[in-house]
Amino acid sequence: MTDFFPYDEMTWPEVADLPRDTPLIIPLGDGYDLAHLAGALGNPARAGLLPPIPFGWRGSGLAVPEPLLGRLLANLLDSLRDDGFSR
């Protein structure tokens, strides 16, 4: 069973000690089936949950244009890769 841990509650030394092949998940919204997600990731021993990214659709209370959401996610992924994370 995969142990999901809150990445945003880790200290910098804990992040530095984290194996770089640990899967990190950027949730978009809420309501995820973690057992299904673990299976899709190959049932790793541990996986980090980053803070969820709130977004909406045109006409909702929090409409985020797709190009902006795409740039935000690309920047987050680039930063994680720059820190050596590969999954």
N, C-alpha and C. Protein backbone atom coordinates (compact mmCIF):
# COMPACT_ATOMS: atom_id res chain seq x y z
N MET A 1 0.84 -1.18 0.00
CA MET A 1 0.00 0.00 0.00
C MET A 1 0.89 1.24 0.00
N THR A 2 0.57 2.17 -0.85
CA THR A 2 1.36 3.39 -0.98
C THR A 2 1.09 4.34 0.18
N ASP A 3 2.17 4.87 0.74
CA ASP A 3 2.08 5.89 1.78
C ASP A 3 2.13 7.25 1.10
N PHE A 4 1.01 7.97 1.08
CA PHE A 4 0.96 9.32 0.52
C PHE A 4 1.30 10.31 1.62
N PHE A 5 2.26 11.17 1.36
CA PHE A 5 2.67 12.14 2.38
C PHE A 5 2.51 13.55 1.83
N PRO A 6 2.20 14.52 2.71
CA PRO A 6 2.03 15.91 2.27
C PRO A 6 3.38 16.59 2.08
N TYR A 7 3.76 16.79 0.84
CA TYR A 7 5.04 17.40 0.49
C TYR A 7 5.19 18.78 1.13
N ASP A 8 4.12 19.55 1.19
CA ASP A 8 4.21 20.92 1.69
C ASP A 8 4.41 20.99 3.21
N GLU A 9 4.32 19.86 3.90
CA GLU A 9 4.58 19.85 5.34
C GLU A 9 6.00 19.39 5.67
N MET A 10 6.78 19.10 4.64
CA MET A 10 8.16 18.65 4.85
C MET A 10 9.08 19.84 5.07
N THR A 11 10.12 19.61 5.85
CA THR A 11 11.16 20.63 6.02
C THR A 11 12.13 20.52 4.85
N TRP A 12 12.95 21.57 4.66
CA TRP A 12 13.94 21.52 3.58
C TRP A 12 14.90 20.35 3.75
N PRO A 13 15.39 20.05 4.96
CA PRO A 13 16.26 18.88 5.10
C PRO A 13 15.54 17.57 4.72
N GLU A 14 14.25 17.47 5.04
CA GLU A 14 13.50 16.26 4.66
C GLU A 14 13.38 16.15 3.15
N VAL A 15 13.13 17.27 2.48
CA VAL A 15 13.05 17.27 1.02
C VAL A 15 14.41 16.90 0.43
N ALA A 16 15.48 17.43 1.00
CA ALA A 16 16.83 17.12 0.51
C ALA A 16 17.13 15.63 0.62
N ASP A 17 16.61 14.98 1.66
CA ASP A 17 16.86 13.55 1.87
C ASP A 17 15.91 12.65 1.09
N LEU A 18 14.90 13.21 0.47
CA LEU A 18 13.92 12.42 -0.26
C LEU A 18 14.55 11.83 -1.52
N PRO A 19 14.41 10.51 -1.73
CA PRO A 19 14.94 9.93 -2.97
C PRO A 19 14.33 10.63 -4.18
N ARG A 20 15.14 10.95 -5.15
CA ARG A 20 14.70 11.74 -6.30
C ARG A 20 13.80 10.98 -7.26
N ASP A 21 13.67 9.66 -7.07
CA ASP A 21 12.72 8.91 -7.90
C ASP A 21 11.37 8.72 -7.20
N THR A 22 11.17 9.41 -6.07
CA THR A 22 9.88 9.36 -5.38
C THR A 22 8.83 10.06 -6.24
N PRO A 23 7.70 9.40 -6.53
CA PRO A 23 6.67 10.07 -7.31
C PRO A 23 6.08 11.26 -6.55
N LEU A 24 5.94 12.37 -7.24
CA LEU A 24 5.31 13.56 -6.68
C LEU A 24 4.08 13.89 -7.52
N ILE A 25 2.99 14.18 -6.85
CA ILE A 25 1.71 14.38 -7.53
C ILE A 25 1.26 15.82 -7.32
N ILE A 26 0.88 16.47 -8.41
CA ILE A 26 0.31 17.81 -8.35
C ILE A 26 -1.19 17.65 -8.59
N PRO A 27 -1.99 17.65 -7.52
CA PRO A 27 -3.43 17.48 -7.70
C PRO A 27 -4.07 18.70 -8.36
N LEU A 28 -4.94 18.44 -9.29
CA LEU A 28 -5.73 19.50 -9.92
C LEU A 28 -7.15 19.34 -9.39
N GLY A 29 -7.54 20.20 -8.48
CA GLY A 29 -8.85 20.08 -7.86
C GLY A 29 -8.81 19.15 -6.67
N ASP A 30 -9.90 18.39 -6.46
CA ASP A 30 -9.95 17.49 -5.31
C ASP A 30 -10.73 16.23 -5.68
N GLY A 31 -10.87 15.34 -4.70
CA GLY A 31 -11.68 14.15 -4.90
C GLY A 31 -10.97 12.99 -5.56
N TYR A 32 -9.68 12.83 -5.31
CA TYR A 32 -8.93 11.76 -5.95
C TYR A 32 -9.10 10.44 -5.22
N ASP A 33 -9.15 9.35 -5.96
CA ASP A 33 -9.14 8.00 -5.42
C ASP A 33 -7.68 7.60 -5.30
N LEU A 34 -7.12 7.69 -4.09
CA LEU A 34 -5.69 7.46 -3.91
C LEU A 34 -5.29 6.03 -4.22
N ALA A 35 -6.16 5.06 -3.97
CA ALA A 35 -5.83 3.66 -4.29
C ALA A 35 -5.68 3.50 -5.81
N HIS A 36 -6.57 4.12 -6.57
CA HIS A 36 -6.49 4.06 -8.03
C HIS A 36 -5.23 4.77 -8.52
N LEU A 37 -4.94 5.92 -7.93
CA LEU A 37 -3.74 6.68 -8.29
C LEU A 37 -2.48 5.88 -8.00
N ALA A 38 -2.45 5.22 -6.84
CA ALA A 38 -1.29 4.38 -6.50
C ALA A 38 -1.10 3.28 -7.53
N GLY A 39 -2.18 2.65 -7.94
CA GLY A 39 -2.09 1.61 -8.95
C GLY A 39 -1.57 2.13 -10.27
N ALA A 40 -2.02 3.32 -10.66
CA ALA A 40 -1.55 3.93 -11.92
C ALA A 40 -0.07 4.26 -11.86
N LEU A 41 0.45 4.49 -10.65
CA LEU A 41 1.87 4.79 -10.47
C LEU A 41 2.72 3.54 -10.27
N GLY A 42 2.09 2.37 -10.27
CA GLY A 42 2.83 1.14 -10.06
C GLY A 42 2.98 0.78 -8.59
N ASN A 43 2.10 1.30 -7.74
CA ASN A 43 2.10 1.02 -6.30
C ASN A 43 3.45 1.27 -5.64
N PRO A 44 3.97 2.49 -5.73
CA PRO A 44 5.24 2.80 -5.06
C PRO A 44 5.06 2.76 -3.54
N ALA A 45 6.16 2.58 -2.82
CA ALA A 45 6.09 2.56 -1.36
C ALA A 45 5.61 3.90 -0.82
N ARG A 46 6.08 5.00 -1.42
CA ARG A 46 5.71 6.35 -0.97
C ARG A 46 5.46 7.23 -2.19
N ALA A 47 4.60 8.22 -2.00
CA ALA A 47 4.35 9.22 -3.04
C ALA A 47 3.99 10.52 -2.35
N GLY A 48 4.52 11.62 -2.85
CA GLY A 48 4.26 12.92 -2.26
C GLY A 48 3.10 13.63 -2.94
N LEU A 49 2.25 14.22 -2.12
CA LEU A 49 1.15 15.03 -2.62
C LEU A 49 1.51 16.50 -2.45
N LEU A 50 1.68 17.20 -3.55
CA LEU A 50 1.91 18.63 -3.49
C LEU A 50 0.58 19.32 -3.23
N PRO A 51 0.60 20.60 -2.85
CA PRO A 51 -0.67 21.30 -2.63
C PRO A 51 -1.51 21.30 -3.91
N PRO A 52 -2.83 21.12 -3.78
CA PRO A 52 -3.67 21.12 -4.99
C PRO A 52 -3.68 22.48 -5.67
N ILE A 53 -3.82 22.44 -6.98
CA ILE A 53 -3.90 23.65 -7.79
C ILE A 53 -5.39 23.91 -8.06
N PRO A 54 -5.96 24.96 -7.47
CA PRO A 54 -7.37 25.25 -7.75
C PRO A 54 -7.51 25.85 -9.14
N PHE A 55 -8.54 25.47 -9.82
CA PHE A 55 -8.80 26.05 -11.13
C PHE A 55 -10.29 25.95 -11.42
N GLY A 56 -10.74 26.68 -12.37
CA GLY A 56 -12.13 26.64 -12.76
C GLY A 56 -12.25 26.67 -14.26
N TRP A 57 -13.42 26.81 -14.71
CA TRP A 57 -13.70 26.85 -16.14
C TRP A 57 -14.40 28.17 -16.44
N ARG A 58 -14.47 28.50 -17.69
CA ARG A 58 -15.11 29.75 -18.09
C ARG A 58 -16.51 29.83 -17.49
N GLY A 59 -16.79 30.92 -16.82
CA GLY A 59 -18.09 31.10 -16.19
C GLY A 59 -18.12 30.68 -14.73
N SER A 60 -17.09 30.01 -14.25
CA SER A 60 -17.06 29.61 -12.84
C SER A 60 -16.47 30.74 -12.01
N GLY A 61 -16.49 30.56 -10.70
CA GLY A 61 -15.98 31.59 -9.82
C GLY A 61 -14.47 31.77 -9.88
N LEU A 62 -13.76 30.77 -10.37
CA LEU A 62 -12.30 30.84 -10.44
C LEU A 62 -11.85 30.38 -11.83
N ALA A 63 -12.22 31.14 -12.83
CA ALA A 63 -11.84 30.78 -14.19
C ALA A 63 -10.36 31.06 -14.40
N VAL A 64 -9.64 30.04 -14.81
CA VAL A 64 -8.21 30.17 -15.10
C VAL A 64 -8.02 29.80 -16.57
N PRO A 65 -7.56 30.72 -17.39
CA PRO A 65 -7.36 30.41 -18.80
C PRO A 65 -6.39 29.23 -18.97
N GLU A 66 -6.69 28.34 -19.91
CA GLU A 66 -5.86 27.16 -20.13
C GLU A 66 -4.39 27.50 -20.36
N PRO A 67 -4.06 28.53 -21.16
CA PRO A 67 -2.63 28.83 -21.34
C PRO A 67 -1.93 29.19 -20.02
N LEU A 68 -2.63 29.91 -19.16
CA LEU A 68 -2.04 30.28 -17.87
C LEU A 68 -1.85 29.04 -16.99
N LEU A 69 -2.86 28.18 -16.92
CA LEU A 69 -2.74 26.95 -16.14
C LEU A 69 -1.60 26.09 -16.69
N GLY A 70 -1.49 26.00 -18.00
CA GLY A 70 -0.40 25.24 -18.61
C GLY A 70 0.97 25.78 -18.25
N ARG A 71 1.12 27.10 -18.26
CA ARG A 71 2.41 27.70 -17.90
C ARG A 71 2.74 27.48 -16.43
N LEU A 72 1.72 27.59 -15.58
CA LEU A 72 1.92 27.34 -14.15
C LEU A 72 2.41 25.91 -13.91
N LEU A 73 1.73 24.94 -14.52
CA LEU A 73 2.11 23.54 -14.34
C LEU A 73 3.50 23.27 -14.93
N ALA A 74 3.79 23.83 -16.09
CA ALA A 74 5.11 23.65 -16.69
C ALA A 74 6.20 24.21 -15.79
N ASN A 75 5.95 25.37 -15.19
CA ASN A 75 6.93 25.97 -14.28
C ASN A 75 7.14 25.09 -13.05
N LEU A 76 6.06 24.57 -12.48
CA LEU A 76 6.19 23.68 -11.32
C LEU A 76 7.00 22.43 -11.68
N LEU A 77 6.67 21.83 -12.82
CA LEU A 77 7.40 20.62 -13.24
C LEU A 77 8.87 20.92 -13.50
N ASP A 78 9.15 22.05 -14.14
CA ASP A 78 10.55 22.44 -14.37
C ASP A 78 11.30 22.60 -13.06
N SER A 79 10.66 23.22 -12.07
CA SER A 79 11.31 23.42 -10.77
C SER A 79 11.59 22.09 -10.08
N LEU A 80 10.64 21.17 -10.15
CA LEU A 80 10.85 19.85 -9.53
C LEU A 80 11.97 19.10 -10.25
N ARG A 81 12.00 19.19 -11.58
CA ARG A 81 13.09 18.54 -12.34
C ARG A 81 14.43 19.19 -12.02
N ASP A 82 14.45 20.52 -11.89
CA ASP A 82 15.69 21.22 -11.53
C ASP A 82 16.21 20.74 -10.17
N ASP A 83 15.30 20.36 -9.28
CA ASP A 83 15.69 19.84 -7.97
C ASP A 83 16.04 18.36 -8.02
N GLY A 84 15.97 17.76 -9.21
CA GLY A 84 16.40 16.38 -9.38
C GLY A 84 15.31 15.33 -9.35
N PHE A 85 14.05 15.74 -9.17
CA PHE A 85 12.97 14.75 -9.14
C PHE A 85 12.66 14.28 -10.55
N SER A 86 12.40 12.98 -10.66
CA SER A 86 12.23 12.40 -11.99
C SER A 86 10.84 11.81 -12.23
N ARG A 87 10.01 11.74 -11.20
CA ARG A 87 8.68 11.13 -11.37
C ARG A 87 7.61 12.04 -10.84
